[in-house]
C-alpha atoms as a PDB file:
ATOM      1  CA  UNK A   1      94.017  80.123  65.562  1.00  0.00           C
ATOM      2  CA  UNK A   2      92.744  83.398  66.890  1.00  0.00           C
ATOM      3  CA  UNK A   3      90.021  85.201  64.883  1.00  0.00           C
ATOM      4  CA  UNK A   4      90.296  88.853  64.109  1.00  0.00           C
ATOM      5  CA  UNK A   5      87.428  89.608  66.433  1.00  0.00           C
ATOM      6  CA  UNK A   6      89.178  87.824  69.333  1.00  0.00           C
ATOM      7  CA  UNK A   7      92.467  89.620  68.701  1.00  0.00           C
ATOM      8  CA  UNK A   8      90.540  92.928  68.509  1.00  0.00           C
ATOM      9  CA  UNK A   9      88.746  92.170  71.871  1.00  0.00           C
ATOM     10  CA  UNK A  10      92.051  91.134  73.483  1.00  0.00           C
ATOM     11  CA  UNK A  11      93.752  94.379  72.378  1.00  0.00           C
ATOM     12  CA  UNK A  12      90.870  96.519  73.624  1.00  0.00           C
ATOM     13  CA  UNK A  13      90.751  94.652  76.913  1.00  0.00           C
ATOM     14  CA  UNK A  14      91.509  96.943  79.879  1.00  0.00           C
ATOM     15  CA  UNK A  15      94.352  94.751  81.047  1.00  0.00           C
ATOM     16  CA  UNK A  16      96.104  95.341  77.738  1.00  0.00           C
ATOM     17  CA  UNK A  17      95.959  99.086  78.393  1.00  0.00           C
ATOM     18  CA  UNK A  18      97.332  98.546  81.915  1.00  0.00           C
ATOM     19  CA  UNK A  19     100.260  96.478  80.491  1.00  0.00           C
ATOM     20  CA  UNK A  20     100.863  99.203  77.928  1.00  0.00           C
ATOM     21  CA  UNK A  21     101.592 101.625  80.753  1.00  0.00           C
ATOM     22  CA  UNK A  22     104.281  99.275  82.090  1.00  0.00           C
ATOM     23  CA  UNK A  23     105.773  98.583  78.696  1.00  0.00           C
ATOM     24  CA  UNK A  24     106.258 102.247  77.770  1.00  0.00           C
ATOM     25  CA  UNK A  25     108.391 102.830  80.823  1.00  0.00           C
ATOM     26  CA  UNK A  26     111.731 101.534  79.335  1.00  0.00           C
ATOM     27  CA  UNK A  27     111.168 103.798  76.296  1.00  0.00           C
ATOM     28  CA  UNK A  28     110.631 106.826  78.461  1.00  0.00           C
ATOM     29  CA  UNK A  29     113.701 106.020  80.537  1.00  0.00           C
ATOM     30  CA  UNK A  30     115.972 105.363  77.501  1.00  0.00           C
ATOM     31  CA  UNK A  31     114.820 108.590  75.839  1.00  0.00           C
ATOM     32  CA  UNK A  32     115.705 110.521  78.986  1.00  0.00           C
ATOM     33  CA  UNK A  33     119.203 109.216  78.928  1.00  0.00           C
ATOM     34  CA  UNK A  34     119.618 111.590  75.971  1.00  0.00           C
ATOM     35  CA  UNK A  35     117.931 114.822  77.343  1.00  0.00           C
ATOM     36  CA  UNK A  36     117.684 117.006  74.222  1.00  0.00           C
ATOM     37  CA  UNK A  37     114.664 118.865  72.886  1.00  0.00           C
ATOM     38  CA  UNK A  38     113.499 116.061  70.642  1.00  0.00           C
ATOM     39  CA  UNK A  39     113.864 113.129  73.096  1.00  0.00           C
ATOM     40  CA  UNK A  40     112.362 114.967  76.017  1.00  0.00           C
ATOM     41  CA  UNK A  41     109.351 115.981  73.967  1.00  0.00           C
ATOM     42  CA  UNK A  42     109.013 112.311  72.638  1.00  0.00           C
ATOM     43  CA  UNK A  43     109.280 110.980  76.168  1.00  0.00           C
ATOM     44  CA  UNK A  44     106.507 113.358  77.294  1.00  0.00           C
ATOM     45  CA  UNK A  45     104.422 112.246  74.433  1.00  0.00           C
ATOM     46  CA  UNK A  46     104.860 108.625  75.217  1.00  0.00           C
ATOM     47  CA  UNK A  47     104.266 109.297  78.995  1.00  0.00           C
ATOM     48  CA  UNK A  48     101.058 111.142  77.866  1.00  0.00           C
ATOM     49  CA  UNK A  49      99.759 108.164  75.928  1.00  0.00           C
ATOM     50  CA  UNK A  50     100.476 105.978  79.062  1.00  0.00           C
ATOM     51  CA  UNK A  51      98.586 108.485  81.230  1.00  0.00           C
ATOM     52  CA  UNK A  52      95.640 108.444  78.918  1.00  0.00           C
ATOM     53  CA  UNK A  53      95.434 104.570  79.101  1.00  0.00           C
ATOM     54  CA  UNK A  54      94.950 104.999  82.927  1.00  0.00           C
ATOM     55  CA  UNK A  55      91.552 106.630  82.150  1.00  0.00           C
ATOM     56  CA  UNK A  56      90.709 104.393  79.277  1.00  0.00           C
ATOM     57  CA  UNK A  57      91.289 101.066  80.981  1.00  0.00           C
ATOM     58  CA  UNK A  58      89.004 102.056  83.864  1.00  0.00           C
ATOM     59  CA  UNK A  59      86.352 103.347  81.430  1.00  0.00           C
ATOM     60  CA  UNK A  60      86.362 100.189  79.388  1.00  0.00           C
ATOM     61  CA  UNK A  61      86.440  97.866  82.434  1.00  0.00           C
ATOM     62  CA  UNK A  62      83.338  99.538  84.002  1.00  0.00           C
ATOM     63  CA  UNK A  63      81.450  99.998  80.706  1.00  0.00           C
ATOM     64  CA  UNK A  64      82.028  96.421  79.531  1.00  0.00           C
ATOM     65  CA  UNK A  65      81.886  94.691  82.867  1.00  0.00           C
ATOM     66  CA  UNK A  66      85.542  93.563  82.438  1.00  0.00           C
ATOM     67  CA  UNK A  67      86.613  94.382  86.006  1.00  0.00           C
ATOM     68  CA  UNK A  68      89.141  91.756  87.067  1.00  0.00           C
ATOM     69  CA  UNK A  69      91.383  90.932  90.009  1.00  0.00           C
ATOM     70  CA  UNK A  70      94.399  91.457  87.832  1.00  0.00           C
ATOM     71  CA  UNK A  71      93.110  94.944  86.870  1.00  0.00           C
ATOM     72  CA  UNK A  72      92.294  95.930  90.426  1.00  0.00           C
ATOM     73  CA  UNK A  73      95.878  95.107  91.509  1.00  0.00           C
ATOM     74  CA  UNK A  74      97.946  95.918  88.390  1.00  0.00           C
ATOM     75  CA  UNK A  75      96.178  99.146  87.343  1.00  0.00           C
ATOM     76  CA  UNK A  76      97.284 101.186  90.310  1.00  0.00           C
ATOM     77  CA  UNK A  77     100.785  99.523  90.221  1.00  0.00           C
ATOM     78  CA  UNK A  78     101.184 100.459  86.531  1.00  0.00           C
ATOM     79  CA  UNK A  79     100.265 104.089  87.401  1.00  0.00           C
ATOM     80  CA  UNK A  80     102.761 104.166  90.230  1.00  0.00           C
ATOM     81  CA  UNK A  81     105.526 102.595  88.124  1.00  0.00           C
ATOM     82  CA  UNK A  82     104.969 105.179  85.344  1.00  0.00           C
ATOM     83  CA  UNK A  83     104.894 108.135  87.683  1.00  0.00           C
ATOM     84  CA  UNK A  84     107.844 106.877  89.812  1.00  0.00           C
ATOM     85  CA  UNK A  85     109.975 106.210  86.804  1.00  0.00           C
ATOM     86  CA  UNK A  86     109.399 109.677  85.350  1.00  0.00           C
ATOM     87  CA  UNK A  87     110.130 111.226  88.722  1.00  0.00           C
ATOM     88  CA  UNK A  88     113.354 109.318  89.159  1.00  0.00           C
ATOM     89  CA  UNK A  89     114.609 110.340  85.650  1.00  0.00           C
ATOM     90  CA  UNK A  90     113.682 113.948  86.324  1.00  0.00           C
ATOM     91  CA  UNK A  91     115.664 113.914  89.612  1.00  0.00           C
ATOM     92  CA  UNK A  92     118.624 112.371  87.766  1.00  0.00           C
ATOM     93  CA  UNK A  93     118.755 115.550  85.539  1.00  0.00           C
ATOM     94  CA  UNK A  94     118.199 117.916  88.451  1.00  0.00           C
ATOM     95  CA  UNK A  95     114.806 119.035  87.081  1.00  0.00           C
ATOM     96  CA  UNK A  96     112.931 117.915  90.213  1.00  0.00           C
ATOM     97  CA  UNK A  97     114.067 118.034  93.831  1.00  0.00           C
ATOM     98  CA  UNK A  98     114.923 114.581  95.165  1.00  0.00           C
ATOM     99  CA  UNK A  99     112.874 115.022  98.363  1.00  0.00           C
ATOM    100  CA  UNK A 100     109.751 115.756  96.196  1.00  0.00           C
ATOM    101  CA  UNK A 101     110.228 112.583  94.220  1.00  0.00           C
ATOM    102  CA  UNK A 102     110.812 110.613  97.382  1.00  0.00           C
ATOM    103  CA  UNK A 103     107.664 111.889  98.916  1.00  0.00           C
ATOM    104  CA  UNK A 104     105.634 110.973  95.894  1.00  0.00           C
ATOM    105  CA  UNK A 105     107.243 107.504  95.494  1.00  0.00           C
ATOM    106  CA  UNK A 106     106.914 106.848  99.268  1.00  0.00           C
ATOM    107  CA  UNK A 107     103.224 107.701  99.312  1.00  0.00           C
ATOM    108  CA  UNK A 108     102.589 105.494  96.214  1.00  0.00           C
ATOM    109  CA  UNK A 109     104.333 102.517  97.814  1.00  0.00           C
ATOM    110  CA  UNK A 110     102.588 103.032 101.219  1.00  0.00           C
ATOM    111  CA  UNK A 111      99.171 103.311  99.665  1.00  0.00           C
ATOM    112  CA  UNK A 112      99.805 100.281  97.463  1.00  0.00           C
ATOM    113  CA  UNK A 113     100.592  98.251 100.522  1.00  0.00           C
ATOM    114  CA  UNK A 114      97.466  99.575 102.256  1.00  0.00           C
ATOM    115  CA  UNK A 115      95.368  98.672  99.264  1.00  0.00           C
ATOM    116  CA  UNK A 116      96.722  95.161  99.200  1.00  0.00           C
ATOM    117  CA  UNK A 117      95.794  94.748 102.849  1.00  0.00           C
ATOM    118  CA  UNK A 118      92.350  96.016 102.085  1.00  0.00           C
ATOM    119  CA  UNK A 119      91.957  93.683  99.114  1.00  0.00           C
ATOM    120  CA  UNK A 120      92.883  90.713 101.438  1.00  0.00           C
ATOM    121  CA  UNK A 121      90.149  91.840 103.844  1.00  0.00           C
ATOM    122  CA  UNK A 122      87.565  92.082 100.945  1.00  0.00           C
ATOM    123  CA  UNK A 123      87.296  95.882 101.111  1.00  0.00           C
ATOM    124  CA  UNK A 124      86.646  98.232  98.218  1.00  0.00           C
ATOM    125  CA  UNK A 125      89.908  99.740  97.033  1.00  0.00           C
ATOM    126  CA  UNK A 126      88.591 102.225  94.426  1.00  0.00           C
ATOM    127  CA  UNK A 127      90.499 105.475  94.088  1.00  0.00           C
ATOM    128  CA  UNK A 128      89.141 108.250  96.218  1.00  0.00           C
ATOM    129  CA  UNK A 129      88.362 111.697  94.830  1.00  0.00           C
ATOM    130  CA  UNK A 130      91.598 113.031  96.468  1.00  0.00           C
ATOM    131  CA  UNK A 131      93.484 110.211  94.775  1.00  0.00           C
ATOM    132  CA  UNK A 132      92.038 111.199  91.389  1.00  0.00           C
ATOM    133  CA  UNK A 133      93.090 114.750  91.934  1.00  0.00           C
ATOM    134  CA  UNK A 134      96.519 113.606  93.020  1.00  0.00           C
ATOM    135  CA  UNK A 135      96.906 111.558  89.800  1.00  0.00           C
ATOM    136  CA  UNK A 136      95.686 114.452  87.673  1.00  0.00           C
ATOM    137  CA  UNK A 137      98.135 116.879  89.257  1.00  0.00           C
ATOM    138  CA  UNK A 138     101.021 114.419  89.042  1.00  0.00           C
ATOM    139  CA  UNK A 139     100.359 113.807  85.318  1.00  0.00           C
ATOM    140  CA  UNK A 140      99.684 117.493  84.740  1.00  0.00           C
ATOM    141  CA  UNK A 141     103.074 118.359  86.343  1.00  0.00           C
ATOM    142  CA  UNK A 142     105.164 115.607  84.897  1.00  0.00           C
ATOM    143  CA  UNK A 143     104.278 116.134  81.214  1.00  0.00           C
ATOM    144  CA  UNK A 144     105.646 119.714  81.114  1.00  0.00           C
ATOM    145  CA  UNK A 145     108.559 118.750  83.289  1.00  0.00           C
ATOM    146  CA  UNK A 146     109.447 115.908  80.871  1.00  0.00           C
ATOM    147  CA  UNK A 147     109.202 118.402  77.925  1.00  0.00           C
ATOM    148  CA  UNK A 148     111.532 120.603  80.021  1.00  0.00           C
ATOM    149  CA  UNK A 149     112.637 122.927  77.210  1.00  0.00           C
ATOM    150  CA  UNK A 150     110.799 126.031  76.174  1.00  0.00           C
ATOM    151  CA  UNK A 151     108.622 125.942  73.060  1.00  0.00           C
ATOM    152  CA  UNK A 152     106.932 128.948  71.420  1.00  0.00           C
ATOM    153  CA  UNK A 153     108.072 131.057  74.288  1.00  0.00           C
ATOM    154  CA  UNK A 154     106.313 128.819  76.825  1.00  0.00           C
ATOM    155  CA  UNK A 155     108.468 127.724  79.787  1.00  0.00           C
ATOM    156  CA  UNK A 156     107.247 124.198  80.337  1.00  0.00           C
ATOM    157  CA  UNK A 157     109.621 123.504  83.077  1.00  0.00           C
ATOM    158  CA  UNK A 158     108.220 126.506  85.098  1.00  0.00           C
ATOM    159  CA  UNK A 159     104.668 125.289  84.476  1.00  0.00           C
ATOM    160  CA  UNK A 160     105.488 121.766  85.450  1.00  0.00           C
ATOM    161  CA  UNK A 161     107.297 123.026  88.627  1.00  0.00           C
ATOM    162  CA  UNK A 162     104.215 124.987  89.708  1.00  0.00           C
ATOM    163  CA  UNK A 163     101.845 122.082  89.048  1.00  0.00           C
ATOM    164  CA  UNK A 164     104.239 119.825  91.008  1.00  0.00           C
ATOM    165  CA  UNK A 165     103.522 121.708  94.205  1.00  0.00           C
ATOM    166  CA  UNK A 166      99.811 120.988  93.728  1.00  0.00           C
ATOM    167  CA  UNK A 167     100.721 117.335  93.036  1.00  0.00           C
ATOM    168  CA  UNK A 168     102.778 117.252  96.228  1.00  0.00           C
ATOM    169  CA  UNK A 169      99.865 118.716  98.195  1.00  0.00           C
ATOM    170  CA  UNK A 170      97.353 116.129  96.957  1.00  0.00           C
ATOM    171  CA  UNK A 171      99.904 113.306  97.217  1.00  0.00           C
ATOM    172  CA  UNK A 172     100.337 113.867 100.936  1.00  0.00           C
ATOM    173  CA  UNK A 173      96.713 114.793 101.572  1.00  0.00           C
ATOM    174  CA  UNK A 174      95.310 111.775  99.769  1.00  0.00           C
ATOM    175  CA  UNK A 175      97.887 109.383 101.345  1.00  0.00           C
ATOM    176  CA  UNK A 176      97.009 110.617 104.841  1.00  0.00           C
ATOM    177  CA  UNK A 177      93.321 110.346 103.992  1.00  0.00           C
ATOM    178  CA  UNK A 178      93.697 106.658 102.959  1.00  0.00           C
ATOM    179  CA  UNK A 179      95.437 105.816 106.193  1.00  0.00           C
ATOM    180  CA  UNK A 180      93.013 107.759 108.418  1.00  0.00           C
ATOM    181  CA  UNK A 181      89.927 106.197 106.687  1.00  0.00           C
ATOM    182  CA  UNK A 182      91.240 102.646 107.053  1.00  0.00           C
ATOM    183  CA  UNK A 183      93.164 102.958 110.369  1.00  0.00           C
ATOM    184  CA  UNK A 184      90.661 100.595 112.137  1.00  0.00           C
ATOM    185  CA  UNK A 185      91.299  97.899 109.622  1.00  0.00           C
ATOM    186  CA  UNK A 186      95.036  98.208 110.169  1.00  0.00           C
ATOM    187  CA  UNK A 187      94.766  97.576 113.878  1.00  0.00           C
ATOM    188  CA  UNK A 188      92.374  94.581 113.631  1.00  0.00           C
END
């Protein structure tokens, strides 16, 4: 039988936070099947909690020395699944251009593939500063885009659309940076 302390430790384990990001995706997708003011706001709120766990799991893993191979691989995959799912649903409503979502998703898949190659070669796969800006802009753009509707005279869709251009810039820039920095490893 598990003790309360063990359960508490397991729930605060960084990998639990990573799994949370994956588990909230169906809720966000289902809510966006019904794009009204309440459900889009709720989907943005759930997406936000998922995005916060991205920072928290890294913080806890480093602070408590709980860095694991599972976390190194699944943390970036969970981020990419969360962002990609939101992008796809936004495209389905015509709230984001398809080519922008395709660019974001293609970069995420390409960099994930590169990171897996680097892991196999024993290289550090920590996120770069550009990658962190990319993630920040993507999350910053997707939250208001998910809200979509105006509240209190604030046009959230317009704010999200403007931030999405910054996300697109950092998405392409950070992806190119990854491949340029590690091009020698790809040819060896």
